[in-house]
Amino acid sequence: MNEVWYVIGLVAVSVAVLVLGVWFVRREIRDQISPAPLLWTGYAIVAAFVVFGVLRTSWVVLS
C-alpha cells in the first residue's frame, strides 16, 4: 500500500509542477517578457520529461 501512496504523491507533485508551468508561461506572455512560441516549446519539453518520469517511475514502483 505504501507504493500506491508514493505514486499518488508523485502524481500530485507532477500535476502541481505542470500547473505552475502553465501559469508561469501565461504570465510571461501577458507581460510580454519573452516570445510565446519559445516559452510554449520550452514548457512542452519540460512537461514531456515530467510526464515520462511519472509514468516510468509509477510503472517501476507498481510492478
C-alpha atoms as a PDB file:
ATOM      1  CA  MET A   1       0.000   0.000   0.000  1.00  0.00           C
ATOM      2  CA  ASN A   2       2.935   2.352   0.570  1.00  0.00           C
ATOM      3  CA  GLU A   3       3.773   2.107  -3.121  1.00  0.00           C
ATOM      4  CA  VAL A   4       0.327   3.374  -4.073  1.00  0.00           C
ATOM      5  CA  TRP A   5       0.700   6.408  -1.790  1.00  0.00           C
ATOM      6  CA  TYR A   6       4.137   7.055  -3.256  1.00  0.00           C
ATOM      7  CA  VAL A   7       2.681   7.117  -6.770  1.00  0.00           C
ATOM      8  CA  ILE A   8      -0.242   9.303  -5.658  1.00  0.00           C
ATOM      9  CA  GLY A   9       2.195  11.788  -4.127  1.00  0.00           C
ATOM     10  CA  LEU A  10       4.384  11.713  -7.219  1.00  0.00           C
ATOM     11  CA  VAL A  11       1.418  12.398  -9.492  1.00  0.00           C
ATOM     12  CA  ALA A  12       0.211  15.223  -7.225  1.00  0.00           C
ATOM     13  CA  VAL A  13       3.610  16.939  -7.244  1.00  0.00           C
ATOM     14  CA  SER A  14       3.903  16.487 -11.010  1.00  0.00           C
ATOM     15  CA  VAL A  15       0.474  17.994 -11.632  1.00  0.00           C
ATOM     16  CA  ALA A  16       1.432  20.947  -9.430  1.00  0.00           C
ATOM     17  CA  VAL A  17       4.634  21.448 -11.447  1.00  0.00           C
ATOM     18  CA  LEU A  18       2.718  21.330 -14.735  1.00  0.00           C
ATOM     19  CA  VAL A  19       0.074  23.788 -13.498  1.00  0.00           C
ATOM     20  CA  LEU A  20       2.715  26.195 -12.202  1.00  0.00           C
ATOM     21  CA  GLY A  21       4.484  25.923 -15.549  1.00  0.00           C
ATOM     22  CA  VAL A  22       1.348  26.925 -17.437  1.00  0.00           C
ATOM     23  CA  TRP A  23       0.810  29.807 -15.010  1.00  0.00           C
ATOM     24  CA  PHE A  24       4.392  30.990 -15.485  1.00  0.00           C
ATOM     25  CA  VAL A  25       4.257  30.822 -19.301  1.00  0.00           C
ATOM     26  CA  ARG A  26       0.943  32.672 -19.443  1.00  0.00           C
ATOM     27  CA  ARG A  27       2.264  35.362 -17.076  1.00  0.00           C
ATOM     28  CA  GLU A  28       5.423  35.826 -19.126  1.00  0.00           C
ATOM     29  CA  ILE A  29       3.411  36.098 -22.345  1.00  0.00           C
ATOM     30  CA  ARG A  30       0.963  38.547 -20.754  1.00  0.00           C
ATOM     31  CA  ASP A  31       3.818  40.738 -19.546  1.00  0.00           C
ATOM     32  CA  GLN A  32       5.475  40.376 -22.970  1.00  0.00           C
ATOM     33  CA  ILE A  33       8.769  39.297 -21.423  1.00  0.00           C
ATOM     34  CA  SER A  34       9.626  36.543 -23.903  1.00  0.00           C
ATOM     35  CA  PRO A  35       8.281  35.314 -27.264  1.00  0.00           C
ATOM     36  CA  ALA A  36       5.323  32.980 -26.841  1.00  0.00           C
ATOM     37  CA  PRO A  37       6.421  30.163 -29.203  1.00  0.00           C
ATOM     38  CA  LEU A  38       9.750  29.864 -27.414  1.00  0.00           C
ATOM     39  CA  LEU A  39       8.092  29.695 -23.997  1.00  0.00           C
ATOM     40  CA  TRP A  40       5.495  27.133 -25.064  1.00  0.00           C
ATOM     41  CA  THR A  41       8.183  25.000 -26.718  1.00  0.00           C
ATOM     42  CA  GLY A  42      10.262  25.038 -23.557  1.00  0.00           C
ATOM     43  CA  TYR A  43       7.216  24.203 -21.464  1.00  0.00           C
ATOM     44  CA  ALA A  44       6.287  21.329 -23.773  1.00  0.00           C
ATOM     45  CA  ILE A  45       9.766  19.839 -23.414  1.00  0.00           C
ATOM     46  CA  VAL A  46       9.699  20.106 -19.622  1.00  0.00           C
ATOM     47  CA  ALA A  47       6.146  18.744 -19.491  1.00  0.00           C
ATOM     48  CA  ALA A  48       7.144  15.765 -21.645  1.00  0.00           C
ATOM     49  CA  PHE A  49      10.015  14.947 -19.274  1.00  0.00           C
ATOM     50  CA  VAL A  50       7.747  15.276 -16.230  1.00  0.00           C
ATOM     51  CA  VAL A  51       5.038  13.046 -17.700  1.00  0.00           C
ATOM     52  CA  PHE A  52       7.574  10.475 -18.912  1.00  0.00           C
ATOM     53  CA  GLY A  53       9.229  10.436 -15.490  1.00  0.00           C
ATOM     54  CA  VAL A  54       5.926   9.966 -13.684  1.00  0.00           C
ATOM     55  CA  LEU A  55       4.810   7.173 -15.996  1.00  0.00           C
ATOM     56  CA  ARG A  56       8.126   5.355 -15.857  1.00  0.00           C
ATOM     57  CA  THR A  57       8.511   5.693 -12.093  1.00  0.00           C
ATOM     58  CA  SER A  58       4.898   4.641 -11.499  1.00  0.00           C
ATOM     59  CA  TRP A  59       5.369   1.600 -13.727  1.00  0.00           C
ATOM     60  CA  VAL A  60       8.522   0.538 -11.887  1.00  0.00           C
ATOM     61  CA  VAL A  61       7.088   1.125  -8.425  1.00  0.00           C
ATOM     62  CA  LEU A  62       3.771  -0.623  -9.069  1.00  0.00           C
ATOM     63  CA  SER A  63       5.240  -3.577 -10.980  1.00  0.00           C
END
